[in-house]
Amino acid sequence: MIRKEILKELRTYIDEFQIVEKRKVEQPTRHFITVDQYRILLQDGNTLYRDKVVKQGSSGNAVVILPITKENNVLLVIQPRVFTENGVGVELPAGYVELGESIEEASKRELLEETGYLAKNYIPLGSYYQDQGCMSAKNHSVLALDAEKVSVQQLDDSEYIRYLECTYEEALELIDMGYINDANSIITLEKSKKLIRRRKNEI
């Protein structure tokens, strides 16, 4: 059973990021997301027309990090996700892989920026397409072990993030309760189960 104080802290952060107003802003040009159109000829002679979503003008690949602290707890982040039903996301730290970065380098940077933590060991858990119907971008799941606080958060001006520490079992329970409901976090938590159980048996 998840601890009452964890739920209380989580709900405080969720309340903090509740939407007061949302309206569409007309812009003549869009810089973050663009759509490229393709004509594809198949071996059997059929022709397809498809739209490809491009983020930031690059691959759009991202890392999704499951940080496990030295105390064997999980770090979750809470931030505005304004197009979701609740307007707030409870999820694992994540972010885009910058040009020239390795998966581990991107994981270190994003974890530090969003939480102020760094881990001693970064273990790749596999990758998956974000949306293979309209994108080539992949998400890379990473397990970050023995994470510890080394600085304050290093957020961009447009980022508003709180972080929460809970047990691994509590994180799984938050999925069942509907607090964690993004595919990236759920997939990464599921991918990590065998390694987490093995780690607990070794402690």
Protein backbone atom coordinates (compact mmCIF):
# COMPACT_ATOMS: atom_id res chain seq x y z
CA MET A 1 0.00 0.00 0.00
CA ILE A 2 1.38 3.37 -1.01
CA ARG A 3 2.25 5.66 1.90
CA LYS A 4 -0.22 8.46 2.68
CA GLU A 5 2.54 11.06 2.85
CA ILE A 6 3.67 10.18 -0.69
CA LEU A 7 0.15 10.68 -2.05
CA LYS A 8 -0.20 13.93 -0.10
CA GLU A 9 3.05 15.30 -1.55
CA LEU A 10 2.10 14.15 -5.05
CA ARG A 11 -1.33 15.79 -4.87
CA THR A 12 0.26 19.03 -3.68
CA TYR A 13 2.40 19.14 -6.83
CA ILE A 14 -0.56 18.21 -9.05
CA ASP A 15 -2.67 21.01 -7.52
CA GLU A 16 0.19 23.45 -8.11
CA PHE A 17 0.13 22.79 -11.86
CA GLN A 18 -3.65 22.84 -12.44
CA ILE A 19 -4.68 24.74 -15.60
CA VAL A 20 -6.47 28.04 -15.04
CA GLU A 21 -6.84 28.98 -18.71
CA LYS A 22 -5.97 27.37 -22.05
CA ARG A 23 -6.40 28.98 -25.46
CA LYS A 24 -4.94 28.41 -28.89
CA VAL A 25 -2.42 31.02 -30.06
CA GLU A 26 -2.23 31.57 -33.81
CA GLN A 27 1.30 31.48 -35.19
CA PRO A 28 2.31 31.90 -38.85
CA THR A 29 5.29 29.56 -38.50
CA ARG A 30 6.00 26.59 -36.24
CA HIS A 31 9.53 25.85 -35.15
CA PHE A 32 9.33 22.84 -32.82
CA ILE A 33 7.21 20.48 -34.91
CA THR A 34 7.04 20.30 -38.71
CA VAL A 35 5.40 17.83 -41.07
CA ASP A 36 7.19 16.46 -44.16
CA GLN A 37 5.20 14.74 -46.90
CA TYR A 38 6.45 11.61 -48.68
CA ARG A 39 5.45 9.60 -51.72
CA ILE A 40 6.46 5.93 -51.30
CA LEU A 41 6.53 3.29 -54.04
CA LEU A 42 6.25 -0.30 -52.79
CA GLN A 43 7.72 -3.43 -54.35
CA ASP A 44 4.22 -4.60 -55.35
CA GLY A 45 3.66 -1.41 -57.34
CA ASN A 46 1.37 0.34 -54.87
CA THR A 47 1.99 3.99 -54.02
CA LEU A 48 1.59 5.41 -50.52
CA TYR A 49 1.41 9.02 -49.38
CA ARG A 50 2.47 9.60 -45.80
CA ASP A 51 3.14 12.53 -43.48
CA LYS A 52 6.21 12.42 -41.23
CA VAL A 53 6.30 14.43 -38.02
CA VAL A 54 9.70 16.01 -37.34
CA LYS A 55 10.59 17.46 -33.93
CA GLN A 56 13.14 20.24 -33.55
CA GLY A 57 14.28 19.62 -37.10
CA SER A 58 16.18 16.51 -35.95
CA SER A 59 15.61 12.82 -35.27
CA GLY A 60 13.45 13.50 -32.23
CA ASN A 61 15.01 10.56 -30.39
CA ALA A 62 14.62 10.74 -26.61
CA VAL A 63 15.69 9.06 -23.39
CA VAL A 64 13.36 7.92 -20.62
CA ILE A 65 15.26 7.45 -17.36
CA LEU A 66 14.35 5.32 -14.35
CA PRO A 67 16.54 6.70 -11.54
CA ILE A 68 17.12 4.43 -8.55
CA THR A 69 18.69 6.23 -5.59
CA LYS A 70 21.29 4.82 -3.22
CA GLU A 71 18.39 4.24 -0.82
CA ASN A 72 16.76 2.08 -3.52
CA ASN A 73 13.96 4.57 -4.23
CA VAL A 74 12.58 5.81 -7.55
CA LEU A 75 12.58 9.46 -8.66
CA LEU A 76 9.45 10.67 -10.45
CA VAL A 77 8.84 14.10 -11.96
CA ILE A 78 5.60 16.07 -11.97
CA GLN A 79 5.05 18.74 -14.61
CA PRO A 80 2.33 20.43 -16.68
CA ARG A 81 1.10 18.24 -19.56
CA VAL A 82 -1.56 20.62 -20.76
CA PHE A 83 -3.11 18.46 -23.50
CA THR A 84 -3.84 15.52 -21.20
CA GLU A 85 -7.13 14.96 -19.40
CA ASN A 86 -5.76 16.08 -16.03
CA GLY A 87 -3.33 18.68 -17.36
CA VAL A 88 -0.48 17.33 -15.21
CA GLY A 89 1.93 14.46 -15.84
CA VAL A 90 3.45 12.15 -13.23
CA GLU A 91 6.27 10.41 -15.03
CA LEU A 92 9.91 9.41 -15.25
CA PRO A 93 12.55 12.01 -16.16
CA ALA A 94 12.96 12.21 -19.94
CA GLY A 95 14.19 14.43 -22.74
CA TYR A 96 15.52 14.66 -26.26
CA VAL A 97 18.90 13.37 -27.36
CA GLU A 98 20.87 16.32 -28.66
CA LEU A 99 23.00 16.21 -31.80
CA GLY A 100 26.23 14.29 -31.16
CA GLU A 101 25.12 12.94 -27.78
CA SER A 102 25.21 9.29 -26.79
CA ILE A 103 22.24 7.75 -24.98
CA GLU A 104 24.21 7.77 -21.71
CA GLU A 105 25.26 11.40 -22.14
CA ALA A 106 21.68 12.46 -22.81
CA SER A 107 20.48 10.48 -19.78
CA LYS A 108 23.02 12.14 -17.49
CA ARG A 109 22.16 15.62 -18.76
CA GLU A 110 18.39 15.20 -18.53
CA LEU A 111 18.50 13.57 -15.09
CA LEU A 112 20.68 16.38 -13.75
CA GLU A 113 18.54 19.11 -15.32
CA GLU A 114 15.20 17.77 -14.11
CA THR A 115 16.16 16.50 -10.64
CA GLY A 116 19.68 17.62 -9.71
CA TYR A 117 20.67 13.94 -9.39
CA LEU A 118 23.39 11.94 -11.11
CA ALA A 119 23.76 8.16 -11.15
CA LYS A 120 26.86 5.97 -11.04
CA ASN A 121 25.65 3.44 -13.59
CA TYR A 122 23.42 3.82 -16.65
CA ILE A 123 21.99 0.61 -18.11
CA PRO A 124 20.14 0.61 -21.46
CA LEU A 125 16.85 -1.29 -21.31
CA GLY A 126 16.01 -1.17 -25.00
CA SER A 127 14.26 1.21 -27.37
CA TYR A 128 10.91 1.58 -29.11
CA TYR A 129 9.33 3.89 -31.68
CA GLN A 130 7.42 6.88 -30.35
CA ASP A 131 4.78 6.53 -33.09
CA GLN A 132 5.85 4.40 -36.03
CA GLY A 133 2.84 5.49 -38.06
CA CYS A 134 4.15 9.02 -38.53
CA MET A 135 7.63 9.26 -36.99
CA SER A 136 11.07 7.67 -37.16
CA ALA A 137 11.96 8.87 -33.64
CA LYS A 138 12.73 6.33 -30.93
CA ASN A 139 12.64 6.46 -27.16
CA HIS A 140 15.49 4.79 -25.28
CA SER A 141 14.70 3.39 -21.82
CA VAL A 142 17.58 3.71 -19.36
CA LEU A 143 17.98 2.43 -15.80
CA ALA A 144 20.10 4.84 -13.73
CA LEU A 145 21.48 3.15 -10.60
CA ASP A 146 22.85 4.64 -7.36
CA ALA A 147 21.57 8.12 -8.11
CA GLU A 148 22.40 10.84 -5.61
CA LYS A 149 21.70 14.55 -5.27
CA VAL A 150 24.60 16.67 -6.56
CA SER A 151 22.98 20.04 -7.34
CA VAL A 152 19.75 21.95 -7.65
CA GLN A 153 17.55 21.44 -10.70
CA GLN A 154 18.83 23.08 -13.89
CA LEU A 155 15.56 23.79 -15.69
CA ASP A 156 14.97 25.80 -18.84
CA ASP A 157 12.89 28.96 -18.53
CA SER A 158 9.85 27.15 -19.94
CA GLU A 159 10.16 24.09 -17.67
CA TYR A 160 8.19 23.74 -14.44
CA ILE A 161 9.07 20.49 -12.72
CA ARG A 162 8.79 19.06 -9.21
CA TYR A 163 10.23 15.68 -8.30
CA LEU A 164 9.08 13.00 -5.90
CA GLU A 165 10.91 10.09 -4.28
CA CYS A 166 9.03 6.83 -3.67
CA THR A 167 9.67 3.10 -3.64
CA TYR A 168 9.62 1.04 -6.83
CA GLU A 169 6.49 -0.75 -5.63
CA GLU A 170 4.80 2.59 -5.00
CA ALA A 171 5.66 3.72 -8.53
CA LEU A 172 3.98 0.58 -9.90
CA GLU A 173 0.99 1.26 -7.67
CA LEU A 174 0.75 4.80 -9.07
CA ILE A 175 0.29 3.19 -12.50
CA ASP A 176 -2.63 1.12 -11.18
CA MET A 177 -4.11 4.22 -9.53
CA GLY A 178 -3.95 6.19 -12.78
CA TYR A 179 -1.43 8.81 -11.66
CA ILE A 180 1.29 7.49 -13.98
CA ASN A 181 -0.44 7.04 -17.33
CA ASP A 182 2.08 7.92 -20.03
CA ALA A 183 3.33 5.09 -22.22
CA ASN A 184 7.00 6.05 -21.86
CA SER A 185 7.08 5.70 -18.08
CA ILE A 186 4.95 2.55 -18.05
CA ILE A 187 7.10 0.84 -20.70
CA THR A 188 10.34 1.75 -18.93
CA LEU A 189 9.07 0.62 -15.53
CA GLU A 190 7.94 -2.67 -17.06
CA LYS A 191 11.24 -3.16 -18.90
CA SER A 192 13.14 -2.69 -15.63
CA LYS A 193 11.29 -5.30 -13.54
CA LYS A 194 13.76 -8.17 -13.96
CA LEU A 195 16.81 -6.02 -13.20
CA ILE A 196 15.15 -4.37 -10.21
CA ARG A 197 14.17 -7.72 -8.71
CA ARG A 198 17.67 -9.09 -9.29
CA ARG A 199 19.18 -6.00 -7.65
CA LYS A 200 16.93 -6.39 -4.60
CA ASN A 201 17.94 -10.03 -4.21
CA GLU A 202 21.60 -9.01 -4.23
CA ILE A 203 21.19 -6.38 -1.52
